[in-house]
Protein backbone atom coordinates (compact mmCIF):
# COMPACT_ATOMS: atom_id res chain seq x y z
CA MET A 1 -111.91 93.25 -160.00
CA ASN A 2 -113.96 91.40 -157.42
CA ASP A 3 -111.96 88.55 -155.84
CA TYR A 4 -115.10 86.43 -155.45
CA ASN A 5 -117.08 84.46 -158.00
CA SER A 6 -120.86 84.16 -158.02
CA ASP A 7 -120.74 81.36 -155.44
CA GLY A 8 -118.80 83.49 -152.97
CA LEU A 9 -115.59 81.48 -153.37
CA PHE A 10 -112.18 82.95 -154.02
CA ARG A 11 -111.35 82.73 -157.71
CA GLU A 12 -107.82 81.53 -157.02
CA ASP A 13 -108.65 78.77 -154.54
CA PRO A 14 -108.68 75.86 -157.03
CA TRP A 15 -105.21 76.86 -158.25
CA ARG A 16 -103.80 77.50 -154.79
CA ILE A 17 -103.65 73.74 -154.22
CA PHE A 18 -100.61 73.58 -156.50
CA ARG A 19 -98.72 76.06 -154.36
CA ILE A 20 -99.67 74.08 -151.27
CA MET A 21 -98.47 70.86 -152.92
CA SER A 22 -95.17 72.47 -153.89
CA GLU A 23 -94.51 73.48 -150.29
CA PHE A 24 -95.08 69.93 -149.09
CA VAL A 25 -92.89 68.46 -151.83
CA GLU A 26 -90.06 70.90 -151.18
CA GLY A 27 -90.32 70.35 -147.44
CA PHE A 28 -90.40 66.56 -147.70
CA GLU A 29 -87.42 66.48 -150.05
CA ALA A 30 -85.29 68.74 -147.86
CA MET A 31 -86.29 67.25 -144.50
CA SER A 32 -86.19 63.55 -145.37
CA THR A 33 -82.38 63.48 -145.20
CA ILE A 34 -81.74 65.37 -141.95
CA GLY A 35 -81.80 62.30 -139.68
CA PRO A 36 -82.90 62.38 -136.03
CA ALA A 37 -83.90 65.89 -135.05
CA VAL A 38 -85.36 68.11 -132.35
CA SER A 39 -87.71 71.04 -132.91
CA VAL A 40 -86.79 74.06 -130.79
CA PHE A 41 -89.35 76.83 -130.24
CA GLY A 42 -89.20 80.20 -128.53
CA SER A 43 -89.69 83.92 -128.93
CA ALA A 44 -88.42 85.79 -131.97
CA ARG A 45 -88.12 88.84 -129.69
CA THR A 46 -85.47 87.38 -127.37
CA ARG A 47 -82.40 89.64 -127.48
CA ARG A 48 -78.90 88.34 -128.00
CA ASN A 49 -77.85 89.44 -124.50
CA ASP A 50 -80.73 87.55 -122.86
CA PRO A 51 -79.78 84.51 -120.74
CA TYR A 52 -82.30 82.38 -122.65
CA TYR A 53 -80.55 83.25 -125.92
CA ALA A 54 -77.31 81.90 -124.45
CA LYS A 55 -79.12 78.77 -123.26
CA ALA A 56 -80.72 78.11 -126.64
CA ARG A 57 -77.37 78.61 -128.37
CA LYS A 58 -75.75 76.15 -125.98
CA LEU A 59 -78.57 73.67 -126.55
CA GLY A 60 -78.01 73.86 -130.31
CA ARG A 61 -74.36 72.95 -129.79
CA MET A 62 -75.29 70.09 -127.44
CA LEU A 63 -77.78 68.65 -129.93
CA ALA A 64 -75.26 68.82 -132.77
CA ARG A 65 -72.58 67.06 -130.72
CA ALA A 66 -75.12 64.35 -129.91
CA GLY A 67 -75.69 63.79 -133.62
CA LEU A 68 -79.11 65.47 -133.67
CA ALA A 69 -80.34 68.10 -136.10
CA THR A 70 -81.88 71.30 -134.75
CA ILE A 71 -85.13 72.49 -136.34
CA THR A 72 -86.43 76.00 -135.68
CA GLY A 73 -88.80 78.48 -137.26
CA GLY A 74 -85.80 80.11 -138.92
CA GLY A 75 -86.31 83.58 -137.46
CA PRO A 76 -84.46 85.71 -134.89
CA GLY A 77 -84.38 85.38 -131.10
CA ILE A 78 -84.47 81.87 -129.66
CA MET A 79 -84.68 80.41 -133.17
CA GLU A 80 -81.51 82.18 -134.22
CA ALA A 81 -79.73 81.12 -131.03
CA ALA A 82 -80.51 77.42 -131.47
CA ASN A 83 -79.59 77.47 -135.18
CA ARG A 84 -76.41 79.37 -134.34
CA GLY A 85 -75.29 76.84 -131.76
CA ALA A 86 -76.02 73.92 -134.06
CA LYS A 87 -74.08 75.47 -136.92
CA GLU A 88 -71.14 76.39 -134.69
CA ALA A 89 -70.86 72.75 -133.60
CA GLY A 90 -70.94 71.51 -137.21
CA GLY A 91 -74.47 70.08 -136.98
CA LYS A 92 -77.50 70.28 -139.20
CA SER A 93 -79.28 73.55 -138.56
CA VAL A 94 -82.74 73.69 -140.12
CA GLY A 95 -84.68 76.93 -140.44
CA LEU A 96 -88.35 76.65 -141.45
CA ASN A 97 -89.10 80.28 -142.17
CA ILE A 98 -92.52 81.74 -142.89
CA THR A 99 -93.54 84.71 -145.04
CA LEU A 100 -95.43 87.25 -142.94
CA PRO A 101 -97.08 90.63 -143.63
CA HIS A 102 -94.52 92.22 -141.29
CA GLU A 103 -91.43 90.60 -142.79
CA GLN A 104 -89.63 88.09 -140.60
CA LYS A 105 -85.96 88.06 -141.42
CA ALA A 106 -84.40 84.62 -141.74
CA ASN A 107 -81.45 84.17 -139.43
CA PRO A 108 -78.13 83.45 -141.15
CA TYR A 109 -77.32 80.31 -139.16
CA ALA A 110 -79.60 77.77 -140.83
CA ASN A 111 -77.64 75.56 -143.24
CA VAL A 112 -80.92 73.92 -144.32
CA PRO A 113 -83.21 76.93 -144.96
CA ILE A 114 -86.77 76.44 -146.23
CA THR A 115 -89.38 79.16 -146.63
CA PHE A 116 -93.11 78.49 -146.31
CA HIS A 117 -96.17 80.52 -147.24
CA TYR A 118 -98.60 78.35 -145.27
CA PHE A 119 -98.38 77.82 -141.53
CA PHE A 120 -99.98 74.37 -141.72
CA ALA A 121 -97.36 73.05 -144.15
CA ARG A 122 -94.58 74.39 -141.95
CA LEU A 123 -96.20 72.95 -138.83
CA MET A 124 -96.25 69.50 -140.39
CA MET A 125 -92.47 69.60 -140.87
CA PHE A 126 -91.95 70.40 -137.20
CA VAL A 127 -94.00 67.37 -136.19
CA LYS A 128 -93.10 64.84 -138.87
CA TYR A 129 -89.31 65.11 -138.66
CA ALA A 130 -88.65 65.71 -134.96
CA SER A 131 -88.44 63.15 -132.19
CA SER A 132 -88.90 65.79 -129.47
CA PHE A 133 -90.05 69.37 -128.91
CA ILE A 134 -88.15 71.82 -126.72
CA CYS A 135 -89.96 75.06 -125.92
CA PHE A 136 -88.23 78.15 -124.53
CA PRO A 137 -90.19 81.18 -123.31
CA GLY A 138 -92.20 82.77 -126.09
CA GLY A 139 -95.48 84.25 -127.23
CA PHE A 140 -98.55 82.99 -129.05
CA GLY A 141 -96.51 81.08 -131.65
CA THR A 142 -94.60 79.16 -128.99
CA LEU A 143 -97.80 78.37 -127.10
CA HIS A 144 -99.34 77.22 -130.37
CA GLU A 145 -96.55 74.68 -130.84
CA PHE A 146 -96.86 73.56 -127.23
CA TYR A 147 -100.62 73.08 -127.37
CA ASN A 148 -100.44 71.43 -130.77
CA SER A 149 -98.08 68.83 -129.33
CA MET A 150 -100.36 68.32 -126.32
CA THR A 151 -103.35 67.80 -128.63
CA LEU A 152 -101.58 65.26 -130.83
CA ILE A 153 -100.33 63.23 -127.89
CA GLN A 154 -103.49 63.46 -125.77
CA THR A 155 -105.73 62.32 -128.63
CA GLY A 156 -103.40 59.49 -129.60
CA LYS A 157 -102.94 60.98 -133.05
CA ALA A 158 -99.18 60.90 -132.46
CA GLU A 159 -97.03 58.50 -130.52
CA ARG A 160 -96.00 60.08 -127.26
CA PHE A 161 -92.89 62.17 -127.74
CA PRO A 162 -91.07 64.35 -125.20
CA VAL A 163 -92.11 67.96 -124.83
CA VAL A 164 -89.58 69.81 -122.68
CA LEU A 165 -90.29 73.32 -121.40
CA ILE A 166 -87.12 75.27 -120.65
CA GLY A 167 -87.48 78.03 -118.06
CA SER A 168 -89.41 77.26 -114.89
CA GLU A 169 -89.78 80.98 -114.10
CA PHE A 170 -91.72 81.43 -117.34
CA TRP A 171 -93.66 78.17 -117.53
CA ASP A 172 -94.62 77.51 -113.90
CA GLY A 173 -97.36 80.16 -113.83
CA HIS A 174 -98.86 78.97 -117.09
CA ILE A 175 -98.91 75.35 -115.97
CA ALA A 176 -100.42 76.39 -112.64
CA TRP A 177 -103.25 78.03 -114.60
CA ILE A 178 -103.78 74.83 -116.60
CA ARG A 179 -103.95 72.79 -113.42
CA LYS A 180 -106.36 75.18 -111.68
CA GLN A 181 -108.66 76.09 -114.57
CA MET A 182 -108.59 72.91 -116.66
CA LEU A 183 -108.03 70.09 -114.16
CA GLU A 184 -108.99 71.04 -110.60
CA THR A 185 -112.57 72.05 -111.37
CA ASP A 186 -115.99 70.49 -110.83
CA MET A 187 -115.97 69.48 -114.49
CA PRO A 188 -112.33 68.87 -115.55
CA PHE A 189 -111.40 69.56 -119.14
CA ILE A 190 -108.30 67.33 -119.04
CA SER A 191 -107.24 64.19 -117.17
CA PRO A 192 -104.68 64.08 -114.34
CA GLU A 193 -102.28 62.06 -116.51
CA ASP A 194 -102.26 64.86 -119.09
CA MET A 195 -100.09 66.86 -116.69
CA ASP A 196 -97.36 64.26 -117.31
CA LEU A 197 -97.18 64.92 -121.05
CA PHE A 198 -94.47 67.54 -120.62
CA THR A 199 -91.43 68.26 -118.46
CA ILE A 200 -90.39 71.64 -117.06
CA THR A 201 -86.69 72.09 -116.39
CA ASP A 202 -83.88 74.64 -116.36
CA ASP A 203 -81.28 71.91 -116.85
CA LEU A 204 -80.09 71.49 -120.45
CA ASP A 205 -78.33 68.22 -119.59
CA LYS A 206 -81.65 66.80 -118.38
CA ALA A 207 -83.36 68.02 -121.55
CA LEU A 208 -80.72 66.36 -123.73
CA ALA A 209 -80.97 63.08 -121.80
CA ILE A 210 -84.76 63.05 -122.36
CA VAL A 211 -84.28 63.70 -126.06
CA LYS A 212 -81.62 61.01 -126.51
CA GLU A 213 -83.82 58.45 -124.76
CA ALA A 214 -86.67 59.37 -127.12
CA VAL A 215 -84.47 58.87 -130.18
CA ALA A 216 -83.43 55.44 -128.95
CA GLU A 217 -87.09 54.54 -128.30
CA SER A 218 -88.05 55.75 -131.77
CA HIS A 219 -85.44 53.48 -133.35
CA ARG A 220 -86.77 50.54 -131.36
CA ARG A 221 -90.38 51.19 -132.47
CA GLN A 222 -89.36 51.27 -136.13
CA ASN A 223 -88.75 47.52 -135.98
CA GLU A 224 -92.16 46.73 -134.48
CA PRO A 225 -95.02 45.47 -136.70
CA LYS A 226 -97.45 48.22 -137.65
CA THR A 227 -101.23 48.06 -137.34
CA LEU A 228 -103.84 50.56 -138.47
CA LEU A 229 -103.56 52.30 -135.12
CA THR A 230 -99.76 52.55 -135.13
CA ARG A 231 -99.01 53.11 -138.83
CA PRO A 232 -97.87 56.68 -139.54
CA SER A 233 -99.80 58.73 -142.05
CA GLY A 234 -98.24 61.06 -144.60
CA GLU A 235 -98.00 63.98 -142.21
CA GLY A 236 -96.29 61.89 -139.54
CA THR A 237 -99.27 61.38 -137.24
CA LEU A 238 -100.98 58.02 -136.71
CA MET A 239 -103.67 56.73 -139.04
CA GLY A 240 -106.25 55.77 -136.41
CA GLN A 241 -109.82 54.73 -137.18
CA PRO A 242 -112.72 56.67 -138.70
CA PRO A 243 -115.26 57.99 -136.19
CA LYS A 244 -118.44 56.01 -135.56
CA LEU A 245 -121.91 57.43 -135.56
CA GLU A 246 -123.42 57.69 -132.10
CA ALA A 247 -125.90 54.88 -132.85
CA GLU A 248 -123.08 52.61 -134.01
CA ALA A 249 -121.05 53.35 -130.91
CA ALA A 250 -124.02 52.42 -128.72
CA ASP A 251 -124.22 49.01 -130.39
């Protein structure tokens, strides 16, 4: 049977909204009780004997001992390491797994496991329930999380939150490319202050200090009066204002 109707639309699309809604409901219910948390990203291909695996595992333990939940994508590699460390230290270890054509096995160290079908629903949970992002070396998925955070902060759609990049050997070259190709050109694509939206370090103690300061700042902001520009929307970003037409903006 043809999957398309006469208008060229997928037959199942109107019903798919219910599956999408169920993922949001399940995610909101599970995540709303985890307390202050940090999203940790990194490669699923990192081996258990890799130094970065050991670092991510140690970070998970440090976060748990600081009273912070660890949120990962729920898979192997860096995700497994961070979940493992958090669980070993008796902390909340959240694994937001995703169904993929080439099956991703959920690691056994998440004591709050949730499986998603849609990347965008999963991505919302990373943003909405974490006070900070920590990115270890990784591939396209890790860079996606990094650039998503940069976009939210740069556009003011999210309050500024720490984005810590662990592994100067990995990240320095990438950031140098950003500086050369996006900033130091005749027509810059970003502003100089955008280079301050993240921190590169190899020091886990420094990363933890940044995260703890962010949690304290988040608690302080909760008591401030909210306006349209600072009131969070359902997905955890800021409401903002609707765009104006060019003619209106000129007035």
